PDB file of N, CA and C in Angstrom:
ATOM      1  N   MET A   1     -68.461 -37.958  22.939  1.00  0.00           N
ATOM      2  CA  MET A   1     -67.979 -36.724  22.725  1.00  0.00           C
ATOM      3  C   MET A   1     -67.595 -36.141  23.875  1.00  0.00           C
ATOM      4  N   GLN A   2     -66.278 -35.158  24.009  1.00  0.00           N
ATOM      5  CA  GLN A   2     -65.086 -34.961  25.040  1.00  0.00           C
ATOM      6  C   GLN A   2     -65.962 -33.470  25.209  1.00  0.00           C
ATOM      7  N   VAL A   3     -65.711 -33.172  26.521  1.00  0.00           N
ATOM      8  CA  VAL A   3     -66.012 -31.690  26.726  1.00  0.00           C
ATOM      9  C   VAL A   3     -64.497 -31.051  26.991  1.00  0.00           C
ATOM     10  N   GLY A   4     -64.565 -29.556  27.443  1.00  0.00           N
ATOM     11  CA  GLY A   4     -63.295 -29.023  27.654  1.00  0.00           C
ATOM     12  C   GLY A   4     -63.338 -27.325  28.026  1.00  0.00           C
ATOM     13  N   LEU A   5     -62.512 -26.626  28.584  1.00  0.00           N
ATOM     14  CA  LEU A   5     -62.595 -25.546  29.008  1.00  0.00           C
ATOM     15  C   LEU A   5     -61.402 -24.615  28.306  1.00  0.00           C
ATOM     16  N   GLN A   6     -61.320 -23.451  27.818  1.00  0.00           N
ATOM     17  CA  GLN A   6     -60.728 -22.533  27.449  1.00  0.00           C
ATOM     18  C   GLN A   6     -60.717 -21.306  28.114  1.00  0.00           C
ATOM     19  N   VAL A   7     -59.483 -20.924  28.786  1.00  0.00           N
ATOM     20  CA  VAL A   7     -59.558 -19.971  29.660  1.00  0.00           C
ATOM     21  C   VAL A   7     -58.124 -18.692  29.405  1.00  0.00           C
ATOM     22  N   LEU A   8     -58.704 -17.682  28.440  1.00  0.00           N
ATOM     23  CA  LEU A   8     -57.814 -16.988  28.061  1.00  0.00           C
ATOM     24  C   LEU A   8     -57.417 -15.494  29.116  1.00  0.00           C
ATOM     25  N   SER A   9     -56.399 -15.460  29.421  1.00  0.00           N
ATOM     26  CA  SER A   9     -55.686 -14.630  30.770  1.00  0.00           C
ATOM     27  C   SER A   9     -54.973 -13.505  30.292  1.00  0.00           C
ATOM     28  N   LYS A  10     -54.497 -12.562  30.769  1.00  0.00           N
ATOM     29  CA  LYS A  10     -53.483 -11.382  30.489  1.00  0.00           C
ATOM     30  C   LYS A  10     -53.472 -10.941  31.993  1.00  0.00           C
ATOM     31  N   PHE A  11     -51.683 -10.642  31.786  1.00  0.00           N
ATOM     32  CA  PHE A  11     -51.439 -10.542  33.266  1.00  0.00           C
ATOM     33  C   PHE A  11     -50.252  -9.253  32.965  1.00  0.00           C
ATOM     34  N   PRO A  12     -50.063  -8.265  33.799  1.00  0.00           N
ATOM     35  CA  PRO A  12     -48.729  -7.508  33.753  1.00  0.00           C
ATOM     36  C   PRO A  12     -47.667  -8.132  34.290  1.00  0.00           C
ATOM     37  N   PRO A  13     -46.530  -7.768  33.381  1.00  0.00           N
ATOM     38  CA  PRO A  13     -45.455  -8.286  33.478  1.00  0.00           C
ATOM     39  C   PRO A  13     -45.015  -8.706  34.927  1.00  0.00           C
ATOM     40  N   GLU A  14     -45.078  -7.951  35.982  1.00  0.00           N
ATOM     41  CA  GLU A  14     -44.918  -8.150  37.256  1.00  0.00           C
ATOM     42  C   GLU A  14     -45.665  -8.969  37.948  1.00  0.00           C
ATOM     43  N   ASN A  15     -46.576  -9.605  37.239  1.00  0.00           N
ATOM     44  CA  ASN A  15     -47.591 -10.847  37.841  1.00  0.00           C
ATOM     45  C   ASN A  15     -47.245 -12.218  36.881  1.00  0.00           C
ATOM     46  N   ARG A  16     -46.640 -12.249  36.283  1.00  0.00           N
ATOM     47  CA  ARG A  16     -46.486 -13.513  35.098  1.00  0.00           C
ATOM     48  C   ARG A  16     -46.005 -14.577  35.897  1.00  0.00           C
ATOM     49  N   ARG A  17     -45.065 -14.331  36.653  1.00  0.00           N
ATOM     50  CA  ARG A  17     -44.159 -15.280  37.621  1.00  0.00           C
ATOM     51  C   ARG A  17     -44.985 -16.118  38.463  1.00  0.00           C
ATOM     52  N   GLU A  18     -45.964 -15.303  39.441  1.00  0.00           N
ATOM     53  CA  GLU A  18     -46.780 -15.763  40.179  1.00  0.00           C
ATOM     54  C   GLU A  18     -47.767 -16.498  39.576  1.00  0.00           C
ATOM     55  N   PHE A  19     -48.519 -16.041  38.746  1.00  0.00           N
ATOM     56  CA  PHE A  19     -49.670 -16.677  37.749  1.00  0.00           C
ATOM     57  C   PHE A  19     -49.048 -18.121  37.509  1.00  0.00           C
ATOM     58  N   ILE A  20     -47.827 -18.307  36.876  1.00  0.00           N
ATOM     59  CA  ILE A  20     -47.452 -19.189  36.274  1.00  0.00           C
ATOM     60  C   ILE A  20     -47.357 -20.407  37.676  1.00  0.00           C
ATOM     61  N   ARG A  21     -46.219 -19.876  38.714  1.00  0.00           N
ATOM     62  CA  ARG A  21     -46.417 -20.797  39.954  1.00  0.00           C
ATOM     63  C   ARG A  21     -47.941 -21.307  40.761  1.00  0.00           C
ATOM     64  N   SER A  22     -48.905 -20.574  40.265  1.00  0.00           N
ATOM     65  CA  SER A  22     -49.827 -20.913  40.791  1.00  0.00           C
ATOM     66  C   SER A  22     -50.455 -22.554  40.448  1.00  0.00           C
ATOM     67  N   PHE A  23     -50.095 -22.459  39.116  1.00  0.00           N
ATOM     68  CA  PHE A  23     -50.240 -23.890  38.372  1.00  0.00           C
ATOM     69  C   PHE A  23     -49.653 -24.651  38.815  1.00  0.00           C
ATOM     70  N   LYS A  24     -48.357 -24.780  39.124  1.00  0.00           N
ATOM     71  CA  LYS A  24     -47.226 -25.346  39.548  1.00  0.00           C
ATOM     72  C   LYS A  24     -47.501 -26.004  41.009  1.00  0.00           C
ATOM     73  N   ILE A  25     -47.977 -25.157  41.740  1.00  0.00           N
ATOM     74  CA  ILE A  25     -48.160 -25.723  43.395  1.00  0.00           C
ATOM     75  C   ILE A  25     -49.609 -26.054  43.597  1.00  0.00           C
ATOM     76  N   LEU A  26     -50.560 -25.894  43.225  1.00  0.00           N
ATOM     77  CA  LEU A  26     -51.870 -26.159  43.494  1.00  0.00           C
ATOM     78  C   LEU A  26     -52.104 -27.812  43.797  1.00  0.00           C
ATOM     79  N   PRO A  27     -52.498 -28.541  44.648  1.00  0.00           N
ATOM     80  CA  PRO A  27     -52.548 -29.884  44.523  1.00  0.00           C
ATOM     81  C   PRO A  27     -53.795 -30.462  43.455  1.00  0.00           C
ATOM     82  N   GLN A  28     -53.316 -31.311  42.697  1.00  0.00           N
ATOM     83  CA  GLN A  28     -54.475 -31.542  41.925  1.00  0.00           C
ATOM     84  C   GLN A  28     -55.857 -32.145  42.529  1.00  0.00           C
ATOM     85  N   PHE A  29     -56.682 -31.974  41.627  1.00  0.00           N
ATOM     86  CA  PHE A  29     -58.043 -31.957  41.782  1.00  0.00           C
ATOM     87  C   PHE A  29     -58.147 -33.603  41.685  1.00  0.00           C
ATOM     88  N   ASP A  30     -58.825 -34.357  42.710  1.00  0.00           N
ATOM     89  CA  ASP A  30     -58.871 -35.912  42.695  1.00  0.00           C
ATOM     90  C   ASP A  30     -59.039 -36.421  41.533  1.00  0.00           C
ATOM     91  N   GLY A  31     -60.397 -36.153  40.649  1.00  0.00           N
ATOM     92  CA  GLY A  31     -60.915 -36.372  39.607  1.00  0.00           C
ATOM     93  C   GLY A  31     -59.845 -36.387  38.267  1.00  0.00           C
ATOM     94  N   CYS A  32     -58.969 -35.890  37.997  1.00  0.00           N
ATOM     95  CA  CYS A  32     -58.020 -35.068  37.275  1.00  0.00           C
ATOM     96  C   CYS A  32     -57.367 -36.332  36.600  1.00  0.00           C
ATOM     97  N   ARG A  33     -56.671 -37.351  37.523  1.00  0.00           N
ATOM     98  CA  ARG A  33     -55.885 -38.515  36.881  1.00  0.00           C
ATOM     99  C   ARG A  33     -56.786 -39.321  35.989  1.00  0.00           C
ATOM    100  N   LYS A  34     -58.076 -39.710  36.251  1.00  0.00           N
ATOM    101  CA  LYS A  34     -58.972 -40.294  35.199  1.00  0.00           C
ATOM    102  C   LYS A  34     -59.834 -39.858  34.581  1.00  0.00           C
ATOM    103  N   ASN A  35     -59.889 -38.548  34.667  1.00  0.00           N
ATOM    104  CA  ASN A  35     -60.921 -38.096  34.165  1.00  0.00           C
ATOM    105  C   ASN A  35     -60.657 -36.781  33.082  1.00  0.00           C
ATOM    106  N   CYS A  36     -59.465 -36.136  33.381  1.00  0.00           N
ATOM    107  CA  CYS A  36     -58.841 -35.013  32.648  1.00  0.00           C
ATOM    108  C   CYS A  36     -58.049 -35.483  31.639  1.00  0.00           C
ATOM    109  N   SER A  37     -57.867 -35.699  30.260  1.00  0.00           N
ATOM    110  CA  SER A  37     -57.131 -36.231  29.297  1.00  0.00           C
ATOM    111  C   SER A  37     -56.423 -35.012  29.021  1.00  0.00           C
ATOM    112  N   PHE A  38     -56.401 -33.972  29.009  1.00  0.00           N
ATOM    113  CA  PHE A  38     -55.613 -32.638  28.584  1.00  0.00           C
ATOM    114  C   PHE A  38     -55.516 -31.613  29.075  1.00  0.00           C
ATOM    115  N   CYS A  39     -54.533 -31.175  30.059  1.00  0.00           N
ATOM    116  CA  CYS A  39     -54.464 -30.004  30.960  1.00  0.00           C
ATOM    117  C   CYS A  39     -53.090 -28.982  30.481  1.00  0.00           C
ATOM    118  N   ARG A  40     -53.043 -28.049  29.872  1.00  0.00           N
ATOM    119  CA  ARG A  40     -51.836 -26.931  29.719  1.00  0.00           C
ATOM    120  C   ARG A  40     -52.281 -25.642  29.541  1.00  0.00           C
ATOM    121  N   LEU A  41     -51.077 -25.084  30.121  1.00  0.00           N
ATOM    122  CA  LEU A  41     -51.096 -23.654  30.110  1.00  0.00           C
ATOM    123  C   LEU A  41     -50.045 -23.486  28.980  1.00  0.00           C
ATOM    124  N   PHE A  42     -50.533 -22.509  27.613  1.00  0.00           N
ATOM    125  CA  PHE A  42     -49.839 -21.739  27.025  1.00  0.00           C
ATOM    126  C   PHE A  42     -49.638 -20.630  27.002  1.00  0.00           C
ATOM    127  N   GLU A  43     -48.310 -20.022  26.573  1.00  0.00           N
ATOM    128  CA  GLU A  43     -48.161 -18.519  26.625  1.00  0.00           C
ATOM    129  C   GLU A  43     -48.074 -17.745  25.430  1.00  0.00           C
ATOM    130  N   ASP A  44     -48.577 -16.584  24.547  1.00  0.00           N
ATOM    131  CA  ASP A  44     -48.783 -16.525  23.198  1.00  0.00           C
ATOM    132  C   ASP A  44     -47.144 -15.846  23.040  1.00  0.00           C
ATOM    133  N   VAL A  45     -46.815 -16.255  22.105  1.00  0.00           N
ATOM    134  CA  VAL A  45     -45.223 -15.864  21.908  1.00  0.00           C
ATOM    135  C   VAL A  45     -45.399 -14.837  21.353  1.00  0.00           C
ATOM    136  N   GLY A  46     -46.080 -14.195  20.758  1.00  0.00           N
ATOM    137  CA  GLY A  46     -46.423 -12.602  20.322  1.00  0.00           C
ATOM    138  C   GLY A  46     -46.730 -11.775  21.085  1.00  0.00           C
ATOM    139  N   GLU A  47     -47.572 -12.288  22.153  1.00  0.00           N
ATOM    140  CA  GLU A  47     -48.151 -11.208  23.157  1.00  0.00           C
ATOM    141  C   GLU A  47     -47.468 -11.872  24.721  1.00  0.00           C
ATOM    142  N   LEU A  48     -46.451 -11.943  24.962  1.00  0.00           N
ATOM    143  CA  LEU A  48     -45.663 -12.207  26.278  1.00  0.00           C
ATOM    144  C   LEU A  48     -46.941 -11.617  27.313  1.00  0.00           C
ATOM    145  N   ASN A  49     -47.220 -12.763  28.208  1.00  0.00           N
ATOM    146  CA  ASN A  49     -47.806 -12.193  29.480  1.00  0.00           C
ATOM    147  C   ASN A  49     -49.499 -12.713  29.248  1.00  0.00           C
ATOM    148  N   SER A  50     -49.851 -13.191  27.945  1.00  0.00           N
ATOM    149  CA  SER A  50     -50.952 -13.090  27.456  1.00  0.00           C
ATOM    150  C   SER A  50     -51.291 -15.156  27.635  1.00  0.00           C
ATOM    151  N   PHE A  51     -52.070 -15.546  28.165  1.00  0.00           N
ATOM    152  CA  PHE A  51     -52.236 -17.385  28.386  1.00  0.00           C
ATOM    153  C   PHE A  51     -53.406 -17.871  28.223  1.00  0.00           C
ATOM    154  N   LEU A  52     -53.033 -19.130  27.495  1.00  0.00           N
ATOM    155  CA  LEU A  52     -54.532 -19.627  27.188  1.00  0.00           C
ATOM    156  C   LEU A  52     -54.309 -20.974  28.452  1.00  0.00           C
ATOM    157  N   TRP A  53     -55.201 -21.038  28.570  1.00  0.00           N
ATOM    158  CA  TRP A  53     -55.481 -22.315  29.863  1.00  0.00           C
ATOM    159  C   TRP A  53     -56.234 -23.144  29.131  1.00  0.00           C
ATOM    160  N   VAL A  54     -55.908 -24.642  28.657  1.00  0.00           N
ATOM    161  CA  VAL A  54     -56.802 -25.540  27.820  1.00  0.00           C
ATOM    162  C   VAL A  54     -57.150 -26.936  28.755  1.00  0.00           C
ATOM    163  N   GLU A  55     -58.072 -27.351  29.078  1.00  0.00           N
ATOM    164  CA  GLU A  55     -58.314 -28.609  30.012  1.00  0.00           C
ATOM    165  C   GLU A  55     -59.368 -29.164  29.021  1.00  0.00           C
ATOM    166  N   TYR A  56     -59.120 -30.686  29.029  1.00  0.00           N
ATOM    167  CA  TYR A  56     -60.143 -31.846  27.853  1.00  0.00           C
ATOM    168  C   TYR A  56     -60.502 -32.572  29.039  1.00  0.00           C
ATOM    169  N   TRP A  57     -61.920 -32.968  29.211  1.00  0.00           N
ATOM    170  CA  TRP A  57     -62.210 -33.803  30.189  1.00  0.00           C
ATOM    171  C   TRP A  57     -63.142 -34.974  29.504  1.00  0.00           C
ATOM    172  N   ARG A  58     -63.149 -35.937  30.079  1.00  0.00           N
ATOM    173  CA  ARG A  58     -64.015 -37.199  29.414  1.00  0.00           C
ATOM    174  C   ARG A  58     -65.414 -37.315  29.368  1.00  0.00           C
ATOM    175  N   ASN A  59     -66.163 -36.434  30.289  1.00  0.00           N
ATOM    176  CA  ASN A  59     -67.709 -35.924  30.211  1.00  0.00           C
ATOM    177  C   ASN A  59     -67.596 -34.547  30.705  1.00  0.00           C
ATOM    178  N   GLU A  60     -68.997 -34.346  30.560  1.00  0.00           N
ATOM    179  CA  GLU A  60     -69.511 -33.192  31.461  1.00  0.00           C
ATOM    180  C   GLU A  60     -69.521 -33.175  32.861  1.00  0.00           C
ATOM    181  N   ASN A  61     -70.073 -34.595  33.483  1.00  0.00           N
ATOM    182  CA  ASN A  61     -70.288 -34.531  34.713  1.00  0.00           C
ATOM    183  C   ASN A  61     -68.713 -34.116  35.481  1.00  0.00           C
ATOM    184  N   ALA A  62     -67.598 -34.757  34.716  1.00  0.00           N
ATOM    185  CA  ALA A  62     -66.669 -34.749  35.662  1.00  0.00           C
ATOM    186  C   ALA A  62     -65.666 -33.334  35.134  1.00  0.00           C
ATOM    187  N   MET A  63     -66.114 -32.941  34.268  1.00  0.00           N
ATOM    188  CA  MET A  63     -65.801 -31.147  34.140  1.00  0.00           C
ATOM    189  C   MET A  63     -66.708 -30.008  35.048  1.00  0.00           C
ATOM    190  N   GLU A  64     -67.696 -30.393  35.179  1.00  0.00           N
ATOM    191  CA  GLU A  64     -68.961 -29.541  36.154  1.00  0.00           C
ATOM    192  C   GLU A  64     -68.238 -29.848  37.540  1.00  0.00           C
ATOM    193  N   GLU A  65     -67.509 -30.960  37.979  1.00  0.00           N
ATOM    194  CA  GLU A  65     -67.176 -31.429  39.139  1.00  0.00           C
ATOM    195  C   GLU A  65     -66.175 -30.630  39.578  1.00  0.00           C
ATOM    196  N   TYR A  66     -65.110 -30.509  38.915  1.00  0.00           N
ATOM    197  CA  TYR A  66     -64.168 -29.965  38.815  1.00  0.00           C
ATOM    198  C   TYR A  66     -64.314 -28.405  38.777  1.00  0.00           C
ATOM    199  N   LEU A  67     -65.098 -27.913  38.155  1.00  0.00           N
ATOM    200  CA  LEU A  67     -65.445 -26.671  38.091  1.00  0.00           C
ATOM    201  C   LEU A  67     -66.193 -25.791  39.503  1.00  0.00           C
ATOM    202  N   GLN A  68     -66.157 -26.981  40.572  1.00  0.00           N
ATOM    203  CA  GLN A  68     -67.012 -26.802  41.733  1.00  0.00           C
ATOM    204  C   GLN A  68     -65.667 -27.287  42.673  1.00  0.00           C
ATOM    205  N   SER A  69     -64.236 -27.587  42.115  1.00  0.00           N
ATOM    206  CA  SER A  69     -63.282 -27.590  42.993  1.00  0.00           C
ATOM    207  C   SER A  69     -62.304 -26.402  43.802  1.00  0.00           C
ATOM    208  N   ASN A  70     -61.847 -27.062  44.694  1.00  0.00           N
ATOM    209  CA  ASN A  70     -61.006 -25.405  45.263  1.00  0.00           C
ATOM    210  C   ASN A  70     -59.717 -25.213  44.226  1.00  0.00           C
ATOM    211  N   ARG A  71     -59.100 -26.157  43.503  1.00  0.00           N
ATOM    212  CA  ARG A  71     -58.426 -25.962  42.526  1.00  0.00           C
ATOM    213  C   ARG A  71     -58.727 -25.040  41.691  1.00  0.00           C
ATOM    214  N   PHE A  72     -59.684 -25.304  40.892  1.00  0.00           N
ATOM    215  CA  PHE A  72     -60.257 -24.377  39.925  1.00  0.00           C
ATOM    216  C   PHE A  72     -60.795 -23.025  40.374  1.00  0.00           C
ATOM    217  N   LYS A  73     -61.409 -22.988  41.717  1.00  0.00           N
ATOM    218  CA  LYS A  73     -61.738 -21.848  42.223  1.00  0.00           C
ATOM    219  C   LYS A  73     -60.468 -20.911  42.295  1.00  0.00           C
ATOM    220  N   THR A  74     -59.246 -21.656  43.151  1.00  0.00           N
ATOM    221  CA  THR A  74     -58.268 -20.850  43.419  1.00  0.00           C
ATOM    222  C   THR A  74     -57.404 -20.063  41.918  1.00  0.00           C
ATOM    223  N   LEU A  75     -57.240 -21.161  41.257  1.00  0.00           N
ATOM    224  CA  LEU A  75     -56.709 -20.742  39.591  1.00  0.00           C
ATOM    225  C   LEU A  75     -58.036 -19.372  39.228  1.00  0.00           C
ATOM    226  N   MET A  76     -58.936 -19.502  39.228  1.00  0.00           N
ATOM    227  CA  MET A  76     -59.808 -18.275  38.782  1.00  0.00           C
ATOM    228  C   MET A  76     -59.603 -17.403  39.640  1.00  0.00           C
ATOM    229  N   GLY A  77     -59.334 -17.505  40.487  1.00  0.00           N
ATOM    230  CA  GLY A  77     -59.193 -16.307  42.001  1.00  0.00           C
ATOM    231  C   GLY A  77     -57.891 -15.751  41.583  1.00  0.00           C
ATOM    232  N   ALA A  78     -56.852 -16.559  41.269  1.00  0.00           N
ATOM    233  CA  ALA A  78     -55.491 -16.246  40.785  1.00  0.00           C
ATOM    234  C   ALA A  78     -55.084 -14.873  39.576  1.00  0.00           C
ATOM    235  N   ILE A  79     -56.347 -15.610  38.347  1.00  0.00           N
ATOM    236  CA  ILE A  79     -56.364 -14.433  37.324  1.00  0.00           C
ATOM    237  C   ILE A  79     -56.967 -13.421  37.876  1.00  0.00           C
ATOM    238  N   GLU A  80     -58.191 -13.234  38.378  1.00  0.00           N
ATOM    239  CA  GLU A  80     -58.819 -12.014  38.994  1.00  0.00           C
ATOM    240  C   GLU A  80     -58.085 -11.000  39.746  1.00  0.00           C
ATOM    241  N   THR A  81     -57.090 -11.886  40.619  1.00  0.00           N
ATOM    242  CA  THR A  81     -56.194 -10.964  41.735  1.00  0.00           C
ATOM    243  C   THR A  81     -55.491 -10.560  40.823  1.00  0.00           C
ATOM    244  N   LEU A  82     -54.741 -11.301  39.685  1.00  0.00           N
ATOM    245  CA  LEU A  82     -53.082 -11.174  39.663  1.00  0.00           C
ATOM    246  C   LEU A  82     -53.207 -10.433  38.099  1.00  0.00           C
ATOM    247  N   GLY A  83     -54.133 -10.565  37.193  1.00  0.00           N
ATOM    248  CA  GLY A  83     -54.483 -10.332  35.945  1.00  0.00           C
ATOM    249  C   GLY A  83     -56.035  -9.787  35.599  1.00  0.00           C
ATOM    250  N   GLU A  84     -56.106 -10.225  34.337  1.00  0.00           N
ATOM    251  CA  GLU A  84     -57.657 -10.162  33.681  1.00  0.00           C
ATOM    252  C   GLU A  84     -57.755 -11.267  32.931  1.00  0.00           C
ATOM    253  N   LEU A  85     -59.269 -11.797  33.223  1.00  0.00           N
ATOM    254  CA  LEU A  85     -59.946 -12.704  32.596  1.00  0.00           C
ATOM    255  C   LEU A  85     -60.280 -12.060  31.354  1.00  0.00           C
ATOM    256  N   ILE A  86     -60.193 -12.763  29.872  1.00  0.00           N
ATOM    257  CA  ILE A  86     -60.194 -12.152  28.900  1.00  0.00           C
ATOM    258  C   ILE A  86     -61.727 -13.017  28.206  1.00  0.00           C
ATOM    259  N   HIS A  87     -61.449 -14.597  28.090  1.00  0.00           N
ATOM    260  CA  HIS A  87     -62.662 -15.632  28.012  1.00  0.00           C
ATOM    261  C   HIS A  87     -62.454 -16.146  28.607  1.00  0.00           C
ATOM    262  N   PHE A  88     -63.635 -17.025  28.935  1.00  0.00           N
ATOM    263  CA  PHE A  88     -63.808 -18.203  29.562  1.00  0.00           C
ATOM    264  C   PHE A  88     -64.993 -19.100  28.817  1.00  0.00           C
ATOM    265  N   ASN A  89     -64.446 -20.286  28.268  1.00  0.00           N
ATOM    266  CA  ASN A  89     -65.556 -21.098  27.058  1.00  0.00           C
ATOM    267  C   ASN A  89     -65.544 -22.153  27.341  1.00  0.00           C
ATOM    268  N   LYS A  90     -66.487 -22.891  27.544  1.00  0.00           N
ATOM    269  CA  LYS A  90     -66.703 -24.406  27.427  1.00  0.00           C
ATOM    270  C   LYS A  90     -66.799 -25.171  25.895  1.00  0.00           C
ATOM    271  N   VAL A  91     -66.248 -25.790  25.862  1.00  0.00           N
ATOM    272  CA  VAL A  91     -66.168 -26.558  24.595  1.00  0.00           C
ATOM    273  C   VAL A  91     -66.724 -28.171  24.505  1.00  0.00           C
ATOM    274  N   GLN A  92     -67.293 -28.737  23.477  1.00  0.00           N
ATOM    275  CA  GLN A  92     -67.251 -29.917  23.173  1.00  0.00           C
ATOM    276  C   GLN A  92     -66.458 -30.313  21.863  1.00  0.00           C
ATOM    277  N   PHE A  93     -66.235 -31.531  21.800  1.00  0.00           N
ATOM    278  CA  PHE A  93     -65.548 -31.785  20.551  1.00  0.00           C
ATOM    279  C   PHE A  93     -65.357 -33.425  20.320  1.00  0.00           C
ATOM    280  N   GLN A  94     -64.947 -34.088  19.433  1.00  0.00           N
ATOM    281  CA  GLN A  94     -64.827 -34.885  18.854  1.00  0.00           C
ATOM    282  C   GLN A  94     -63.699 -34.980  18.181  1.00  0.00           C
ATOM    283  N   ASN A  95     -62.703 -36.058  18.590  1.00  0.00           N
ATOM    284  CA  ASN A  95     -61.649 -36.831  18.160  1.00  0.00           C
ATOM    285  C   ASN A  95     -61.541 -37.027  16.554  1.00  0.00           C
ATOM    286  N   ILE A  96     -61.196 -36.706  15.735  1.00  0.00           N
ATOM    287  CA  ILE A  96     -61.015 -37.002  14.190  1.00  0.00           C
ATOM    288  C   ILE A  96     -59.670 -37.281  13.675  1.00  0.00           C
ATOM    289  N   GLN A  97     -59.193 -38.039  14.231  1.00  0.00           N
ATOM    290  CA  GLN A  97     -57.861 -38.773  14.183  1.00  0.00           C
ATOM    291  C   GLN A  97     -58.095 -39.842  13.170  1.00  0.00           C
ATOM    292  N   GLN A  98     -57.607 -40.178  12.151  1.00  0.00           N
ATOM    293  CA  GLN A  98     -57.709 -41.094  11.196  1.00  0.00           C
ATOM    294  C   GLN A  98     -56.650 -42.152  11.262  1.00  0.00           C
TER     295      GLN A  98
END
């Protein structure tokens, strides 16, 4: 069973570009390449400036290590500084592809 994060946030239009840039310029967490199987930032087409950040991790230990990383803390700080955290959720899931 894999685990993941779902982070929903909203920003004023003037902070949108800076928030997106935060994702692009921060160095990757060391464990990302081998332990993170999915990392995406989605923007709601019906409500611009609302973002869903989704990450899937191979196991809970890898995700918990990431939650203590400078990258994660910096991204969460960017959300708090530039916008508003709407929802933070840890999830677990199974692949059901046939």
